Amino acid sequence: SNQTLFIYSTESDSSSETALRLLATWSTEPLPDRARTA
C-alpha cells in the first residue's frame, strides 16, 4: 500500500509524443554522443 506506480503518456501525433520518441532514441545512445547532443 506504500508503493505507487506513475505512468506518463502523451497525446497521439502531438509534438510531445515526437519529443518523447526523440528522447527514447537519445537515451540509448552512447554516453559521449548523448553529451554532445545535450
Full PDB file with SEQRES, HELIX, SHEET, SSBOND, CRYST1, ORIGX, SCALE, CONECT and MASTER records, all heavy atoms in Angstrom:
SEQRES   1 A   38  SER ASN GLN THR LEU PHE ILE TYR SER THR GLU SER ASP          
SEQRES   2 A   38  SER SER SER GLU THR ALA LEU ARG LEU LEU ALA THR TRP          
SEQRES   3 A   38  SER THR GLU PRO LEU PRO ASP ARG ALA ARG THR ALA              
HELIX    1 AA1 SER A   15  SER A   27  1                                  13    
HELIX    2 AA2 LEU A   31  THR A   37  1                                   7    
CRYST1    1.000    1.000    1.000  90.00  90.00  90.00 P 1           1          
ORIGX1      1.000000  0.000000  0.000000        0.00000                         
ORIGX2      0.000000  1.000000  0.000000        0.00000                         
ORIGX3      0.000000  0.000000  1.000000        0.00000                         
SCALE1      1.000000  0.000000  0.000000        0.00000                         
SCALE2      0.000000  1.000000  0.000000        0.00000                         
SCALE3      0.000000  0.000000  1.000000        0.00000                         
ATOM      1  N   SER A   1       0.809  -1.215   0.000  1.00  0.00           N  
ATOM      2  CA  SER A   1       0.000   0.000   0.000  1.00  0.00           C  
ATOM      3  C   SER A   1       0.843   1.265   0.000  1.00  0.00           C  
ATOM      4  O   SER A   1       0.321   2.362  -0.205  1.00  0.00           O  
ATOM      5  CB  SER A   1      -0.918   0.009   1.232  1.00  0.00           C  
ATOM      6  OG  SER A   1      -0.144  -0.023   2.428  1.00  0.00           O  
ATOM      7  N   ASN A   2       2.155   1.129   0.229  1.00  0.00           N  
ATOM      8  CA  ASN A   2       3.026   2.301   0.267  1.00  0.00           C  
ATOM      9  C   ASN A   2       3.652   2.620  -1.088  1.00  0.00           C  
ATOM     10  O   ASN A   2       4.350   3.633  -1.213  1.00  0.00           O  
ATOM     11  CB  ASN A   2       4.147   2.102   1.291  1.00  0.00           C  
ATOM     12  CG  ASN A   2       3.624   2.053   2.712  1.00  0.00           C  
ATOM     13  OD1 ASN A   2       2.817   2.887   3.105  1.00  0.00           O  
ATOM     14  ND2 ASN A   2       4.073   1.069   3.474  1.00  0.00           N  
ATOM     15  N   GLN A   3       3.441   1.771  -2.083  1.00  0.00           N  
ATOM     16  CA  GLN A   3       4.076   1.977  -3.379  1.00  0.00           C  
ATOM     17  C   GLN A   3       3.053   2.351  -4.447  1.00  0.00           C  
ATOM     18  O   GLN A   3       1.991   1.739  -4.547  1.00  0.00           O  
ATOM     19  CB  GLN A   3       4.848   0.725  -3.803  1.00  0.00           C  
ATOM     20  CG  GLN A   3       6.064   0.458  -2.923  1.00  0.00           C  
ATOM     21  CD  GLN A   3       6.927  -0.673  -3.452  1.00  0.00           C  
ATOM     22  OE1 GLN A   3       6.547  -1.388  -4.382  1.00  0.00           O  
ATOM     23  NE2 GLN A   3       8.101  -0.847  -2.871  1.00  0.00           N  
ATOM     24  N   THR A   4       3.402   3.361  -5.240  1.00  0.00           N  
ATOM     25  CA  THR A   4       2.524   3.853  -6.294  1.00  0.00           C  
ATOM     26  C   THR A   4       3.284   3.898  -7.613  1.00  0.00           C  
ATOM     27  O   THR A   4       4.406   4.422  -7.674  1.00  0.00           O  
ATOM     28  CB  THR A   4       2.009   5.270  -5.960  1.00  0.00           C  
ATOM     29  OG1 THR A   4       1.349   5.246  -4.694  1.00  0.00           O  
ATOM     30  CG2 THR A   4       1.042   5.756  -7.025  1.00  0.00           C  
ATOM     31  N   LEU A   5       2.672   3.361  -8.656  1.00  0.00           N  
ATOM     32  CA  LEU A   5       3.252   3.376  -9.994  1.00  0.00           C  
ATOM     33  C   LEU A   5       2.715   4.580 -10.751  1.00  0.00           C  
ATOM     34  O   LEU A   5       1.505   4.759 -10.884  1.00  0.00           O  
ATOM     35  CB  LEU A   5       2.894   2.089 -10.736  1.00  0.00           C  
ATOM     36  CG  LEU A   5       3.260   2.030 -12.227  1.00  0.00           C  
ATOM     37  CD1 LEU A   5       4.767   2.064 -12.430  1.00  0.00           C  
ATOM     38  CD2 LEU A   5       2.648   0.786 -12.873  1.00  0.00           C  
ATOM     39  N   PHE A   6       3.617   5.422 -11.249  1.00  0.00           N  
ATOM     40  CA  PHE A   6       3.249   6.576 -12.060  1.00  0.00           C  
ATOM     41  C   PHE A   6       3.589   6.282 -13.521  1.00  0.00           C  
ATOM     42  O   PHE A   6       4.731   5.913 -13.834  1.00  0.00           O  
ATOM     43  CB  PHE A   6       4.001   7.831 -11.605  1.00  0.00           C  
ATOM     44  CG  PHE A   6       3.533   8.366 -10.282  1.00  0.00           C  
ATOM     45  CD1 PHE A   6       3.994   7.822  -9.089  1.00  0.00           C  
ATOM     46  CD2 PHE A   6       2.622   9.405 -10.218  1.00  0.00           C  
ATOM     47  CE1 PHE A   6       3.559   8.303  -7.867  1.00  0.00           C  
ATOM     48  CE2 PHE A   6       2.176   9.898  -9.004  1.00  0.00           C  
ATOM     49  CZ  PHE A   6       2.645   9.345  -7.826  1.00  0.00           C  
ATOM     50  N   ILE A   7       2.605   6.438 -14.386  1.00  0.00           N  
ATOM     51  CA  ILE A   7       2.789   6.189 -15.814  1.00  0.00           C  
ATOM     52  C   ILE A   7       2.487   7.480 -16.574  1.00  0.00           C  
ATOM     53  O   ILE A   7       1.414   8.069 -16.415  1.00  0.00           O  
ATOM     54  CB  ILE A   7       1.864   5.068 -16.310  1.00  0.00           C  
ATOM     55  CG1 ILE A   7       2.115   3.775 -15.531  1.00  0.00           C  
ATOM     56  CG2 ILE A   7       2.076   4.828 -17.807  1.00  0.00           C  
ATOM     57  CD1 ILE A   7       1.147   2.646 -15.880  1.00  0.00           C  
ATOM     58  N   TYR A   8       3.450   7.922 -17.381  1.00  0.00           N  
ATOM     59  CA  TYR A   8       3.291   9.127 -18.190  1.00  0.00           C  
ATOM     60  C   TYR A   8       2.972   8.739 -19.630  1.00  0.00           C  
ATOM     61  O   TYR A   8       3.506   7.757 -20.152  1.00  0.00           O  
ATOM     62  CB  TYR A   8       4.576   9.946 -18.202  1.00  0.00           C  
ATOM     63  CG  TYR A   8       4.897  10.672 -16.911  1.00  0.00           C  
ATOM     64  CD1 TYR A   8       4.128  10.515 -15.768  1.00  0.00           C  
ATOM     65  CD2 TYR A   8       5.996  11.523 -16.842  1.00  0.00           C  
ATOM     66  CE1 TYR A   8       4.429  11.186 -14.606  1.00  0.00           C  
ATOM     67  CE2 TYR A   8       6.308  12.206 -15.684  1.00  0.00           C  
ATOM     68  CZ  TYR A   8       5.530  12.030 -14.563  1.00  0.00           C  
ATOM     69  OH  TYR A   8       5.829  12.697 -13.400  1.00  0.00           O  
ATOM     70  N   SER A   9       2.132   9.529 -20.268  1.00  0.00           N  
ATOM     71  CA  SER A   9       1.831   9.313 -21.685  1.00  0.00           C  
ATOM     72  C   SER A   9       1.613  10.664 -22.349  1.00  0.00           C  
ATOM     73  O   SER A   9       1.476  11.692 -21.678  1.00  0.00           O  
ATOM     74  CB  SER A   9       0.594   8.419 -21.855  1.00  0.00           C  
ATOM     75  OG  SER A   9      -0.536   9.009 -21.240  1.00  0.00           O  
ATOM     76  N   THR A  10       1.583  10.664 -23.672  1.00  0.00           N  
ATOM     77  CA  THR A  10       1.376  11.894 -24.428  1.00  0.00           C  
ATOM     78  C   THR A  10       0.251  11.691 -25.434  1.00  0.00           C  
ATOM     79  O   THR A  10      -0.097  10.558 -25.788  1.00  0.00           O  
ATOM     80  CB  THR A  10       2.654  12.310 -25.183  1.00  0.00           C  
ATOM     81  OG1 THR A  10       3.083  11.208 -25.998  1.00  0.00           O  
ATOM     82  CG2 THR A  10       3.759  12.693 -24.222  1.00  0.00           C  
ATOM     83  N   GLU A  11      -0.297  12.790 -25.915  1.00  0.00           N  
ATOM     84  CA  GLU A  11      -1.352  12.723 -26.919  1.00  0.00           C  
ATOM     85  C   GLU A  11      -0.790  12.229 -28.242  1.00  0.00           C  
ATOM     86  O   GLU A  11       0.299  12.623 -28.663  1.00  0.00           O  
ATOM     87  CB  GLU A  11      -1.972  14.115 -27.093  1.00  0.00           C  
ATOM     88  CG  GLU A  11      -3.185  14.147 -27.995  1.00  0.00           C  
ATOM     89  CD  GLU A  11      -3.802  15.530 -28.082  1.00  0.00           C  
ATOM     90  OE1 GLU A  11      -3.443  16.395 -27.256  1.00  0.00           O  
ATOM     91  OE2 GLU A  11      -4.630  15.751 -28.996  1.00  0.00           O  
ATOM     92  N   SER A  12      -1.527  11.357 -28.906  1.00  0.00           N  
ATOM     93  CA  SER A  12      -1.073  10.792 -30.180  1.00  0.00           C  
ATOM     94  C   SER A  12      -0.860  11.892 -31.223  1.00  0.00           C  
ATOM     95  O   SER A  12      -1.635  12.861 -31.301  1.00  0.00           O  
ATOM     96  CB  SER A  12      -2.096   9.783 -30.708  1.00  0.00           C  
ATOM     97  OG  SER A  12      -2.231   8.697 -29.817  1.00  0.00           O  
ATOM     98  N   ASP A  13       0.203  11.728 -32.007  1.00  0.00           N  
ATOM     99  CA  ASP A  13       0.530  12.638 -33.108  1.00  0.00           C  
ATOM    100  C   ASP A  13       0.751  14.076 -32.634  1.00  0.00           C  
ATOM    101  O   ASP A  13       0.543  15.028 -33.390  1.00  0.00           O  
ATOM    102  CB  ASP A  13      -0.579  12.622 -34.176  1.00  0.00           C  
ATOM    103  CG  ASP A  13      -0.797  11.237 -34.775  1.00  0.00           C  
ATOM    104  OD1 ASP A  13       0.212  10.537 -34.980  1.00  0.00           O  
ATOM    105  OD2 ASP A  13      -1.962  10.871 -35.009  1.00  0.00           O  
ATOM    106  N   SER A  14       1.170  14.243 -31.397  1.00  0.00           N  
ATOM    107  CA  SER A  14       1.449  15.573 -30.872  1.00  0.00           C  
ATOM    108  C   SER A  14       2.952  15.834 -30.871  1.00  0.00           C  
ATOM    109  O   SER A  14       3.763  14.911 -31.022  1.00  0.00           O  
ATOM    110  CB  SER A  14       0.917  15.707 -29.445  1.00  0.00           C  
ATOM    111  OG  SER A  14       1.615  14.823 -28.580  1.00  0.00           O  
ATOM    112  N   SER A  15       3.315  17.093 -30.710  1.00  0.00           N  
ATOM    113  CA  SER A  15       4.735  17.427 -30.609  1.00  0.00           C  
ATOM    114  C   SER A  15       5.351  16.802 -29.364  1.00  0.00           C  
ATOM    115  O   SER A  15       6.541  16.462 -29.347  1.00  0.00           O  
ATOM    116  CB  SER A  15       4.908  18.949 -30.572  1.00  0.00           C  
ATOM    117  OG  SER A  15       4.218  19.513 -29.460  1.00  0.00           O  
ATOM    118  N   SER A  16       4.548  16.611 -28.313  1.00  0.00           N  
ATOM    119  CA  SER A  16       5.050  15.982 -27.091  1.00  0.00           C  
ATOM    120  C   SER A  16       5.380  14.510 -27.336  1.00  0.00           C  
ATOM    121  O   SER A  16       6.373  13.987 -26.828  1.00  0.00           O  
ATOM    122  CB  SER A  16       4.020  16.108 -25.962  1.00  0.00           C  
ATOM    123  OG  SER A  16       3.833  17.458 -25.597  1.00  0.00           O  
ATOM    124  N   GLU A  17       4.539  13.826 -28.137  1.00  0.00           N  
ATOM    125  CA  GLU A  17       4.829  12.433 -28.476  1.00  0.00           C  
ATOM    126  C   GLU A  17       6.123  12.348 -29.270  1.00  0.00           C  
ATOM    127  O   GLU A  17       6.973  11.475 -29.015  1.00  0.00           O  
ATOM    128  CB  GLU A  17       3.687  11.826 -29.282  1.00  0.00           C  
ATOM    129  CG  GLU A  17       3.930  10.350 -29.618  1.00  0.00           C  
ATOM    130  CD  GLU A  17       2.870   9.788 -30.548  1.00  0.00           C  
ATOM    131  OE1 GLU A  17       2.597  10.425 -31.595  1.00  0.00           O  
ATOM    132  OE2 GLU A  17       2.336   8.711 -30.242  1.00  0.00           O  
ATOM    133  N   THR A  18       6.302  13.261 -30.210  1.00  0.00           N  
ATOM    134  CA  THR A  18       7.536  13.292 -31.001  1.00  0.00           C  
ATOM    135  C   THR A  18       8.736  13.514 -30.098  1.00  0.00           C  
ATOM    136  O   THR A  18       9.781  12.866 -30.252  1.00  0.00           O  
ATOM    137  CB  THR A  18       7.465  14.398 -32.066  1.00  0.00           C  
ATOM    138  OG1 THR A  18       6.361  14.145 -32.930  1.00  0.00           O  
ATOM    139  CG2 THR A  18       8.750  14.463 -32.877  1.00  0.00           C  
ATOM    140  N   ALA A  19       8.592  14.426 -29.129  1.00  0.00           N  
ATOM    141  CA  ALA A  19       9.693  14.706 -28.209  1.00  0.00           C  
ATOM    142  C   ALA A  19      10.062  13.477 -27.390  1.00  0.00           C  
ATOM    143  O   ALA A  19      11.247  13.175 -27.183  1.00  0.00           O  
ATOM    144  CB  ALA A  19       9.305  15.864 -27.293  1.00  0.00           C  
ATOM    145  N   LEU A  20       9.074  12.726 -26.917  1.00  0.00           N  
ATOM    146  CA  LEU A  20       9.371  11.524 -26.137  1.00  0.00           C  
ATOM    147  C   LEU A  20      10.059  10.461 -26.982  1.00  0.00           C  
ATOM    148  O   LEU A  20      10.961   9.755 -26.512  1.00  0.00           O  
ATOM    149  CB  LEU A  20       8.087  10.948 -25.528  1.00  0.00           C  
ATOM    150  CG  LEU A  20       7.656  11.452 -24.148  1.00  0.00           C  
ATOM    151  CD1 LEU A  20       6.517  10.609 -23.609  1.00  0.00           C  
ATOM    152  CD2 LEU A  20       8.813  11.446 -23.155  1.00  0.00           C  
ATOM    153  N   ARG A  21       9.645  10.327 -28.228  1.00  0.00           N  
ATOM    154  CA  ARG A  21      10.296   9.353 -29.106  1.00  0.00           C  
ATOM    155  C   ARG A  21      11.750   9.747 -29.361  1.00  0.00           C  
ATOM    156  O   ARG A  21      12.647   8.885 -29.393  1.00  0.00           O  
ATOM    157  CB  ARG A  21       9.523   9.222 -30.420  1.00  0.00           C  
ATOM    158  CG  ARG A  21       8.181   8.492 -30.258  1.00  0.00           C  
ATOM    159  CD  ARG A  21       7.390   8.437 -31.554  1.00  0.00           C  
ATOM    160  NE  ARG A  21       6.158   7.674 -31.400  1.00  0.00           N  
ATOM    161  CZ  ARG A  21       6.047   6.364 -31.618  1.00  0.00           C  
ATOM    162  NH1 ARG A  21       7.107   5.667 -32.028  1.00  0.00           N  
ATOM    163  NH2 ARG A  21       4.892   5.743 -31.445  1.00  0.00           N  
ATOM    164  N   LEU A  22      12.003  11.039 -29.550  1.00  0.00           N  
ATOM    165  CA  LEU A  22      13.379  11.511 -29.714  1.00  0.00           C  
ATOM    166  C   LEU A  22      14.181  11.265 -28.438  1.00  0.00           C  
ATOM    167  O   LEU A  22      15.356  10.874 -28.494  1.00  0.00           O  
ATOM    168  CB  LEU A  22      13.390  13.002 -30.059  1.00  0.00           C  
ATOM    169  CG  LEU A  22      12.892  13.390 -31.450  1.00  0.00           C  
ATOM    170  CD1 LEU A  22      12.805  14.907 -31.582  1.00  0.00           C  
ATOM    171  CD2 LEU A  22      13.829  12.827 -32.529  1.00  0.00           C  
ATOM    172  N   LEU A  23      13.542  11.480 -27.302  1.00  0.00           N  
ATOM    173  CA  LEU A  23      14.223  11.261 -26.030  1.00  0.00           C  
ATOM    174  C   LEU A  23      14.561   9.786 -25.846  1.00  0.00           C  
ATOM    175  O   LEU A  23      15.625   9.442 -25.313  1.00  0.00           O  
ATOM    176  CB  LEU A  23      13.332  11.748 -24.887  1.00  0.00           C  
ATOM    177  CG  LEU A  23      13.965  11.790 -23.495  1.00  0.00           C  
ATOM    178  CD1 LEU A  23      15.170  12.726 -23.474  1.00  0.00           C  
ATOM    179  CD2 LEU A  23      12.932  12.240 -22.461  1.00  0.00           C  
ATOM    180  N   ALA A  24      13.669   8.903 -26.289  1.00  0.00           N  
ATOM    181  CA  ALA A  24      13.926   7.469 -26.191  1.00  0.00           C  
ATOM    182  C   ALA A  24      15.148   7.090 -27.025  1.00  0.00           C  
ATOM    183  O   ALA A  24      15.987   6.293 -26.603  1.00  0.00           O  
ATOM    184  CB  ALA A  24      12.704   6.684 -26.652  1.00  0.00           C  
ATOM    185  N   THR A  25      15.261   7.673 -28.215  1.00  0.00           N  
ATOM    186  CA  THR A  25      16.427   7.406 -29.065  1.00  0.00           C  
ATOM    187  C   THR A  25      17.691   7.932 -28.408  1.00  0.00           C  
ATOM    188  O   THR A  25      18.722   7.247 -28.361  1.00  0.00           O  
ATOM    189  CB  THR A  25      16.235   8.067 -30.444  1.00  0.00           C  
ATOM    190  OG1 THR A  25      15.064   7.527 -31.061  1.00  0.00           O  
ATOM    191  CG2 THR A  25      17.445   7.820 -31.337  1.00  0.00           C  
ATOM    192  N   TRP A  26      17.616   9.154 -27.901  1.00  0.00           N  
ATOM    193  CA  TRP A  26      18.782   9.768 -27.252  1.00  0.00           C  
ATOM    194  C   TRP A  26      19.251   8.958 -26.050  1.00  0.00           C  
ATOM    195  O   TRP A  26      20.448   8.796 -25.818  1.00  0.00           O  
ATOM    196  CB  TRP A  26      18.423  11.188 -26.826  1.00  0.00           C  
ATOM    197  CG  TRP A  26      19.473  11.881 -26.019  1.00  0.00           C  
ATOM    198  CD1 TRP A  26      20.591  12.497 -26.475  1.00  0.00           C  
ATOM    199  CD2 TRP A  26      19.495  12.028 -24.587  1.00  0.00           C  
ATOM    200  NE1 TRP A  26      21.308  13.022 -25.431  1.00  0.00           N  
ATOM    201  CE2 TRP A  26      20.661  12.749 -24.265  1.00  0.00           C  
ATOM    202  CE3 TRP A  26      18.623  11.626 -23.569  1.00  0.00           C  
ATOM    203  CZ2 TRP A  26      20.994  13.075 -22.948  1.00  0.00           C  
ATOM    204  CZ3 TRP A  26      18.960  11.951 -22.251  1.00  0.00           C  
ATOM    205  CH2 TRP A  26      20.124  12.662 -21.953  1.00  0.00           C  
ATOM    206  N   SER A  27      18.287   8.409 -25.285  1.00  0.00           N  
ATOM    207  CA  SER A  27      18.641   7.704 -24.055  1.00  0.00           C  
ATOM    208  C   SER A  27      19.390   6.401 -24.309  1.00  0.00           C  
ATOM    209  O   SER A  27      20.045   5.876 -23.408  1.00  0.00           O  
ATOM    210  CB  SER A  27      17.380   7.415 -23.235  1.00  0.00           C  
ATOM    211  OG  SER A  27      16.529   6.502 -23.913  1.00  0.00           O  
ATOM    212  N   THR A  28      19.303   5.880 -25.528  1.00  0.00           N  
ATOM    213  CA  THR A  28      20.002   4.635 -25.851  1.00  0.00           C  
ATOM    214  C   THR A  28      21.337   4.879 -26.549  1.00  0.00           C  
ATOM    215  O   THR A  28      22.057   3.928 -26.848  1.00  0.00           O  
ATOM    216  CB  THR A  28      19.126   3.742 -26.749  1.00  0.00           C  
ATOM    217  OG1 THR A  28      18.808   4.451 -27.956  1.00  0.00           O  
ATOM    218  CG2 THR A  28      17.838   3.365 -26.025  1.00  0.00           C  
ATOM    219  N   GLU A  29      21.671   6.160 -26.796  1.00  0.00           N  
ATOM    220  CA  GLU A  29      22.949   6.468 -27.431  1.00  0.00           C  
ATOM    221  C   GLU A  29      24.095   6.282 -26.442  1.00  0.00           C  
ATOM    222  O   GLU A  29      23.894   6.368 -25.221  1.00  0.00           O  
ATOM    223  CB  GLU A  29      22.951   7.916 -27.931  1.00  0.00           C  
ATOM    224  CG  GLU A  29      22.015   8.193 -29.084  1.00  0.00           C  
ATOM    225  CD  GLU A  29      22.049   9.652 -29.505  1.00  0.00           C  
ATOM    226  OE1 GLU A  29      22.668  10.465 -28.776  1.00  0.00           O  
ATOM    227  OE2 GLU A  29      21.466   9.982 -30.557  1.00  0.00           O  
ATOM    228  N   PRO A  30      25.323   6.053 -26.933  1.00  0.00           N  
ATOM    229  CA  PRO A  30      26.475   6.002 -26.033  1.00  0.00           C  
ATOM    230  C   PRO A  30      26.619   7.335 -25.301  1.00  0.00           C  
ATOM    231  O   PRO A  30      26.239   8.394 -25.811  1.00  0.00           O  
ATOM    232  CB  PRO A  30      27.657   5.756 -26.980  1.00  0.00           C  
ATOM    233  CG  PRO A  30      27.038   5.138 -28.195  1.00  0.00           C  
ATOM    234  CD  PRO A  30      25.684   5.757 -28.329  1.00  0.00           C  
ATOM    235  N   LEU A  31      27.163   7.293 -24.099  1.00  0.00           N  
ATOM    236  CA  LEU A  31      27.258   8.497 -23.276  1.00  0.00           C  
ATOM    237  C   LEU A  31      27.958   9.666 -23.966  1.00  0.00           C  
ATOM    238  O   LEU A  31      27.493  10.810 -23.865  1.00  0.00           O  
ATOM    239  CB  LEU A  31      27.944   8.171 -21.950  1.00  0.00           C  
ATOM    240  CG  LEU A  31      27.110   7.367 -20.947  1.00  0.00           C  
ATOM    241  CD1 LEU A  31      27.917   7.050 -19.698  1.00  0.00           C  
ATOM    242  CD2 LEU A  31      25.845   8.136 -20.574  1.00  0.00           C  
ATOM    243  N   PRO A  32      29.078   9.473 -24.681  1.00  0.00           N  
ATOM    244  CA  PRO A  32      29.706  10.627 -25.344  1.00  0.00           C  
ATOM    245  C   PRO A  32      28.780  11.280 -26.371  1.00  0.00           C  
ATOM    246  O   PRO A  32      28.724  12.510 -26.466  1.00  0.00           O  
ATOM    247  CB  PRO A  32      30.943  10.010 -26.011  1.00  0.00           C  
ATOM    248  CG  PRO A  32      31.245   8.794 -25.204  1.00  0.00           C  
ATOM    249  CD  PRO A  32      29.910   8.259 -24.811  1.00  0.00           C  
ATOM    250  N   ASP A  33      28.023  10.470 -27.120  1.00  0.00           N  
ATOM    251  CA  ASP A  33      27.098  11.029 -28.102  1.00  0.00           C  
ATOM    252  C   ASP A  33      25.952  11.763 -27.405  1.00  0.00           C  
ATOM    253  O   ASP A  33      25.500  12.816 -27.877  1.00  0.00           O  
ATOM    254  CB  ASP A  33      26.524   9.914 -28.982  1.00  0.00           C  
ATOM    255  CG  ASP A  33      27.592   9.284 -29.875  1.00  0.00           C  
ATOM    256  OD1 ASP A  33      28.657   9.921 -30.054  1.00  0.00           O  
ATOM    257  OD2 ASP A  33      27.360   8.169 -30.367  1.00  0.00           O  
ATOM    258  N   ARG A  34      25.489  11.234 -26.280  1.00  0.00           N  
ATOM    259  CA  ARG A  34      24.418  11.904 -25.543  1.00  0.00           C  
ATOM    260  C   ARG A  34      24.890  13.253 -25.032  1.00  0.00           C  
ATOM    261  O   ARG A  34      24.145  14.242 -25.068  1.00  0.00           O  
ATOM    262  CB  ARG A  34      23.968  11.030 -24.376  1.00  0.00           C  
ATOM    263  CG  ARG A  34      23.228   9.776 -24.813  1.00  0.00           C  
ATOM    264  CD  ARG A  34      23.021   8.808 -23.674  1.00  0.00           C  
ATOM    265  NE  ARG A  34      22.218   9.394 -22.600  1.00  0.00           N  
ATOM    266  CZ  ARG A  34      21.864   8.716 -21.503  1.00  0.00           C  
ATOM    267  NH1 ARG A  34      22.232   7.459 -21.346  1.00  0.00           N  
ATOM    268  NH2 ARG A  34      21.143   9.298 -20.575  1.00  0.00           N  
ATOM    269  N   ALA A  35      26.127  13.315 -24.564  1.00  0.00           N  
ATOM    270  CA  ALA A  35      26.660  14.576 -24.049  1.00  0.00           C  
ATOM    271  C   ALA A  35      26.759  15.617 -25.156  1.00  0.00           C  
ATOM    272  O   ALA A  35      26.440  16.789 -24.958  1.00  0.00           O  
ATOM    273  CB  ALA A  35      28.029  14.351 -23.407  1.00  0.00           C  
ATOM    274  N   ARG A  36      27.186  15.180 -26.350  1.00  0.00           N  
ATOM    275  CA  ARG A  36      27.293  16.128 -27.467  1.00  0.00           C  
ATOM    276  C   ARG A  36      25.911  16.629 -27.885  1.00  0.00           C  
ATOM    277  O   ARG A  36      25.728  17.806 -28.186  1.00  0.00           O  
ATOM    278  CB  ARG A  36      27.998  15.460 -28.647  1.00  0.00           C  
ATOM    279  CG  ARG A  36      29.510  15.358 -28.498  1.00  0.00           C  
ATOM    280  CD  ARG A  36      30.169  14.997 -29.822  1.00  0.00           C  
ATOM    281  NE  ARG A  36      29.819  13.647 -30.244  1.00  0.00           N  
ATOM    282  CZ  ARG A  36      30.505  12.564 -29.900  1.00  0.00           C  
ATOM    283  NH1 ARG A  36      31.576  12.683 -29.113  1.00  0.00           N  
ATOM    284  NH2 ARG A  36      30.142  11.369 -30.317  1.00  0.00           N  
ATOM    285  N   THR A  37      24.925  15.732 -27.885  1.00  0.00           N  
ATOM    286  CA  THR A  37      23.565  16.140 -28.251  1.00  0.00           C  
ATOM    287  C   THR A  37      23.011  17.135 -27.249  1.00  0.00           C  
ATOM    288  O   THR A  37      22.406  18.143 -27.617  1.00  0.00           O  
ATOM    289  CB  THR A  37      22.638  14.916 -28.320  1.00  0.00           C  
ATOM    290  OG1 THR A  37      23.152  13.989 -29.270  1.00  0.00           O  
ATOM    291  CG2 THR A  37      21.237  15.324 -28.725  1.00  0.00           C  
ATOM    292  N   ALA A  38      23.236  16.878 -25.976  1.00  0.00           N  
ATOM    293  CA  ALA A  38      22.742  17.791 -24.943  1.00  0.00           C  
ATOM    294  C   ALA A  38      23.413  19.150 -25.049  1.00  0.00           C  
ATOM    295  O   ALA A  38      22.770  20.192 -24.928  1.00  0.00           O  
ATOM    296  CB  ALA A  38      22.979  17.181 -23.560  1.00  0.00           C  
TER     297      ALA A  38                                                      
MASTER        0    0    0    2    0    0    0    6  296    1    0    3          
END                                                                             
